[in-house]
């Protein structure tokens, strides 16, 4: 029997903050870390450019992105699935 190997690619979950570029979304990923000196929980964030072939993700959506080969100068992540749809205001 062949067992499925666990993927070595990293996955992150974040919020889409921009969908203006063609086939690309900008995703803001936040993480909580403890400050070394003050022992306070601090929120740190990073922005990633992810490939969105169909243009299906919009601003405010929470999506999962997966690491991939470099697709352009700044883009080496691919949007894989929708976690939560943006609330319509």
N, C-alpha and C. Protein backbone atom coordinates (compact mmCIF):
# COMPACT_ATOMS: atom_id res chain seq x y z
N UNK A 1 0.83 -1.20 0.00
CA UNK A 1 0.00 0.00 0.00
C UNK A 1 0.87 1.25 0.00
N UNK A 2 0.39 2.26 -0.67
CA UNK A 2 1.11 3.54 -0.68
C UNK A 2 0.38 4.52 0.21
N UNK A 3 1.13 5.10 1.11
CA UNK A 3 0.54 6.08 2.01
C UNK A 3 0.81 7.49 1.50
N UNK A 4 -0.12 8.38 1.74
CA UNK A 4 0.05 9.77 1.32
C UNK A 4 1.11 10.42 2.21
N UNK A 5 2.11 11.04 1.57
CA UNK A 5 3.15 11.71 2.32
C UNK A 5 2.64 13.07 2.79
N UNK A 6 2.99 13.49 4.01
CA UNK A 6 2.59 14.83 4.43
C UNK A 6 3.33 15.87 3.60
N UNK A 7 2.62 16.92 3.26
CA UNK A 7 3.19 17.97 2.42
C UNK A 7 4.26 18.73 3.19
N UNK A 8 5.37 19.01 2.52
CA UNK A 8 6.45 19.76 3.14
C UNK A 8 6.27 21.26 2.94
N UNK A 9 5.21 21.64 2.20
CA UNK A 9 4.97 23.05 1.94
C UNK A 9 4.23 23.69 3.11
N UNK A 10 4.63 24.93 3.44
CA UNK A 10 3.98 25.64 4.53
C UNK A 10 2.62 26.16 4.08
N UNK A 11 1.68 26.21 5.01
CA UNK A 11 0.39 26.83 4.75
C UNK A 11 0.12 27.87 5.81
N UNK A 12 -0.49 28.99 5.41
CA UNK A 12 -0.82 30.07 6.32
C UNK A 12 -2.26 30.49 6.07
N UNK A 13 -2.90 31.04 7.09
CA UNK A 13 -4.27 31.55 6.96
C UNK A 13 -4.24 33.04 7.25
N UNK A 14 -4.83 33.82 6.35
CA UNK A 14 -4.83 35.27 6.52
C UNK A 14 -5.99 35.91 5.79
N UNK A 15 -6.05 37.24 5.93
CA UNK A 15 -7.15 38.02 5.37
C UNK A 15 -6.68 38.75 4.11
N UNK A 16 -7.52 38.73 3.08
CA UNK A 16 -7.20 39.42 1.83
C UNK A 16 -7.37 40.92 2.06
N UNK A 17 -6.31 41.69 1.81
CA UNK A 17 -6.36 43.14 1.99
C UNK A 17 -6.34 43.89 0.67
N UNK A 18 -5.99 43.20 -0.44
CA UNK A 18 -6.01 43.84 -1.74
C UNK A 18 -6.23 42.79 -2.82
N UNK A 19 -7.09 43.14 -3.79
CA UNK A 19 -7.31 42.25 -4.94
C UNK A 19 -7.23 43.04 -6.24
N UNK A 20 -6.48 44.14 -6.22
CA UNK A 20 -6.41 45.03 -7.38
C UNK A 20 -5.56 44.47 -8.52
N UNK A 21 -4.56 43.67 -8.22
CA UNK A 21 -3.67 43.14 -9.26
C UNK A 21 -4.31 41.95 -9.97
N UNK A 22 -3.96 41.76 -11.24
CA UNK A 22 -4.49 40.65 -12.02
C UNK A 22 -3.93 39.33 -11.51
N UNK A 23 -4.81 38.40 -11.20
CA UNK A 23 -4.46 37.04 -10.75
C UNK A 23 -3.62 37.03 -9.47
N UNK A 24 -3.69 38.09 -8.68
CA UNK A 24 -2.90 38.17 -7.45
C UNK A 24 -3.73 38.79 -6.34
N UNK A 25 -3.62 38.23 -5.14
CA UNK A 25 -4.22 38.85 -3.95
C UNK A 25 -3.13 39.09 -2.94
N UNK A 26 -3.28 40.15 -2.14
CA UNK A 26 -2.36 40.43 -1.05
C UNK A 26 -3.01 39.95 0.24
N UNK A 27 -2.32 39.11 0.98
CA UNK A 27 -2.88 38.48 2.18
C UNK A 27 -2.10 38.93 3.41
N UNK A 28 -2.83 39.41 4.42
CA UNK A 28 -2.23 39.82 5.69
C UNK A 28 -2.34 38.67 6.67
N UNK A 29 -1.20 38.16 7.14
CA UNK A 29 -1.16 37.05 8.09
C UNK A 29 -0.68 37.60 9.42
N UNK A 30 -1.49 37.41 10.47
CA UNK A 30 -1.12 37.89 11.81
C UNK A 30 -0.77 36.72 12.70
N UNK A 31 0.20 36.95 13.60
CA UNK A 31 0.57 35.92 14.57
C UNK A 31 0.85 36.59 15.91
N UNK A 32 0.60 35.89 16.99
CA UNK A 32 0.82 36.41 18.33
C UNK A 32 2.11 35.82 18.89
N UNK A 33 2.99 36.70 19.36
CA UNK A 33 4.24 36.25 19.97
C UNK A 33 4.43 36.95 21.31
N UNK A 34 5.14 36.28 22.21
CA UNK A 34 5.40 36.87 23.52
C UNK A 34 6.68 37.71 23.46
N UNK A 35 6.61 38.93 23.96
CA UNK A 35 7.76 39.82 23.98
C UNK A 35 8.79 39.26 24.96
N UNK A 36 10.06 39.22 24.55
CA UNK A 36 11.10 38.62 25.38
C UNK A 36 11.28 39.31 26.72
N UNK A 37 11.31 40.62 26.71
CA UNK A 37 11.60 41.37 27.92
C UNK A 37 10.37 41.62 28.78
N UNK A 38 9.26 42.01 28.14
CA UNK A 38 8.09 42.44 28.90
C UNK A 38 7.02 41.37 29.08
N UNK A 39 7.21 40.20 28.52
CA UNK A 39 6.27 39.08 28.64
C UNK A 39 4.84 39.44 28.22
N UNK A 40 4.71 40.39 27.32
CA UNK A 40 3.40 40.79 26.83
C UNK A 40 3.19 40.12 25.47
N UNK A 41 1.95 39.74 25.18
CA UNK A 41 1.62 39.16 23.89
C UNK A 41 1.49 40.29 22.87
N UNK A 42 2.29 40.22 21.80
CA UNK A 42 2.32 41.25 20.77
C UNK A 42 1.87 40.62 19.46
N UNK A 43 1.04 41.35 18.69
CA UNK A 43 0.59 40.85 17.39
C UNK A 43 1.53 41.35 16.31
N UNK A 44 2.13 40.40 15.60
CA UNK A 44 3.00 40.74 14.47
C UNK A 44 2.30 40.30 13.20
N UNK A 45 2.57 41.04 12.11
CA UNK A 45 1.89 40.71 10.86
C UNK A 45 2.86 40.75 9.69
N UNK A 46 2.51 40.01 8.65
CA UNK A 46 3.28 39.99 7.41
C UNK A 46 2.31 39.96 6.25
N UNK A 47 2.70 40.59 5.13
CA UNK A 47 1.88 40.57 3.93
C UNK A 47 2.55 39.66 2.90
N UNK A 48 1.73 38.83 2.26
CA UNK A 48 2.21 37.93 1.23
C UNK A 48 1.39 38.15 -0.04
N UNK A 49 2.05 38.05 -1.20
CA UNK A 49 1.35 38.08 -2.48
C UNK A 49 1.09 36.64 -2.88
N UNK A 50 -0.19 36.31 -3.16
CA UNK A 50 -0.56 34.95 -3.50
C UNK A 50 -1.24 34.90 -4.86
N UNK A 51 -0.98 33.84 -5.60
CA UNK A 51 -1.55 33.66 -6.93
C UNK A 51 -3.01 33.23 -6.81
N UNK A 52 -3.89 33.93 -7.53
CA UNK A 52 -5.33 33.64 -7.54
C UNK A 52 -5.75 33.60 -9.01
N UNK A 53 -5.64 32.44 -9.64
CA UNK A 53 -5.85 32.30 -11.08
C UNK A 53 -7.22 32.79 -11.53
N UNK A 54 -8.28 32.40 -10.81
CA UNK A 54 -9.64 32.71 -11.24
C UNK A 54 -10.11 34.09 -10.76
N UNK A 55 -9.38 34.70 -9.85
CA UNK A 55 -9.81 35.99 -9.31
C UNK A 55 -11.04 35.87 -8.43
N UNK A 56 -11.15 34.75 -7.71
CA UNK A 56 -12.35 34.48 -6.93
C UNK A 56 -12.33 35.08 -5.52
N UNK A 57 -11.17 35.47 -5.01
CA UNK A 57 -11.10 35.98 -3.65
C UNK A 57 -11.16 37.50 -3.65
N UNK A 58 -11.95 38.06 -2.73
CA UNK A 58 -12.17 39.50 -2.65
C UNK A 58 -11.66 40.03 -1.31
N UNK A 59 -11.58 41.36 -1.20
CA UNK A 59 -11.11 42.01 0.03
C UNK A 59 -11.99 41.59 1.20
N UNK A 60 -11.36 41.19 2.31
CA UNK A 60 -12.08 40.79 3.51
C UNK A 60 -12.22 39.29 3.68
N UNK A 61 -12.03 38.52 2.60
CA UNK A 61 -12.10 37.06 2.70
C UNK A 61 -10.93 36.54 3.52
N UNK A 62 -11.17 35.49 4.30
CA UNK A 62 -10.11 34.80 5.01
C UNK A 62 -9.79 33.55 4.19
N UNK A 63 -8.53 33.44 3.75
CA UNK A 63 -8.15 32.33 2.88
C UNK A 63 -6.91 31.62 3.40
N UNK A 64 -6.67 30.44 2.85
CA UNK A 64 -5.46 29.68 3.14
C UNK A 64 -4.53 29.79 1.94
N UNK A 65 -3.24 30.06 2.21
CA UNK A 65 -2.25 30.13 1.14
C UNK A 65 -1.19 29.06 1.39
N UNK A 66 -0.65 28.52 0.29
CA UNK A 66 0.35 27.47 0.35
C UNK A 66 1.60 27.90 -0.40
N UNK A 67 2.74 27.56 0.14
CA UNK A 67 4.01 27.90 -0.47
C UNK A 67 4.16 27.19 -1.81
N UNK A 68 4.79 27.87 -2.79
CA UNK A 68 5.01 27.25 -4.09
C UNK A 68 6.33 27.75 -4.66
N UNK A 69 6.60 27.35 -5.89
CA UNK A 69 7.80 27.84 -6.57
C UNK A 69 7.61 29.33 -6.85
N UNK A 70 8.68 30.07 -7.08
CA UNK A 70 8.53 31.49 -7.40
C UNK A 70 7.74 31.68 -8.70
N UNK A 71 6.66 32.48 -8.61
CA UNK A 71 5.82 32.74 -9.77
C UNK A 71 6.13 34.09 -10.39
N UNK A 72 6.69 35.00 -9.61
CA UNK A 72 7.14 36.29 -10.10
C UNK A 72 8.17 36.82 -9.10
N UNK A 73 8.53 38.08 -9.24
CA UNK A 73 9.54 38.66 -8.36
C UNK A 73 9.11 38.61 -6.89
N UNK A 74 7.84 38.89 -6.62
CA UNK A 74 7.37 38.96 -5.23
C UNK A 74 6.39 37.86 -4.87
N UNK A 75 6.00 37.03 -5.81
CA UNK A 75 4.91 36.07 -5.57
C UNK A 75 5.42 34.64 -5.55
N UNK A 76 5.37 34.00 -4.38
CA UNK A 76 5.67 32.57 -4.30
C UNK A 76 4.74 31.84 -3.35
N UNK A 77 3.48 32.26 -3.32
CA UNK A 77 2.42 31.60 -2.58
C UNK A 77 1.22 31.44 -3.51
N UNK A 78 0.40 30.42 -3.25
CA UNK A 78 -0.79 30.18 -4.05
C UNK A 78 -1.99 30.11 -3.10
N UNK A 79 -3.07 30.82 -3.46
CA UNK A 79 -4.30 30.75 -2.67
C UNK A 79 -4.94 29.39 -2.91
N UNK A 80 -5.17 28.62 -1.83
CA UNK A 80 -5.66 27.25 -2.00
C UNK A 80 -7.14 27.09 -1.66
N UNK A 81 -7.62 27.74 -0.61
CA UNK A 81 -9.04 27.54 -0.27
C UNK A 81 -9.58 28.74 0.50
N UNK A 82 -10.89 28.87 0.44
CA UNK A 82 -11.61 29.92 1.17
C UNK A 82 -11.95 29.38 2.55
N UNK A 83 -11.53 30.10 3.58
CA UNK A 83 -11.83 29.69 4.96
C UNK A 83 -13.13 30.36 5.41
N UNK A 84 -13.23 31.67 5.14
CA UNK A 84 -14.42 32.43 5.57
C UNK A 84 -14.68 33.55 4.57
N UNK A 85 -15.93 33.65 4.12
CA UNK A 85 -16.30 34.70 3.17
C UNK A 85 -16.43 36.02 3.92
N UNK A 86 -16.11 37.13 3.22
CA UNK A 86 -16.21 38.45 3.83
C UNK A 86 -17.67 38.80 4.10
N UNK A 87 -17.93 39.45 5.22
CA UNK A 87 -19.28 39.89 5.56
C UNK A 87 -19.65 41.09 4.71
N UNK A 88 -20.82 41.05 4.10
CA UNK A 88 -21.29 42.19 3.29
C UNK A 88 -21.85 43.26 4.21
N UNK A 89 -21.33 44.48 4.08
CA UNK A 89 -21.78 45.56 4.96
C UNK A 89 -22.86 46.36 4.26
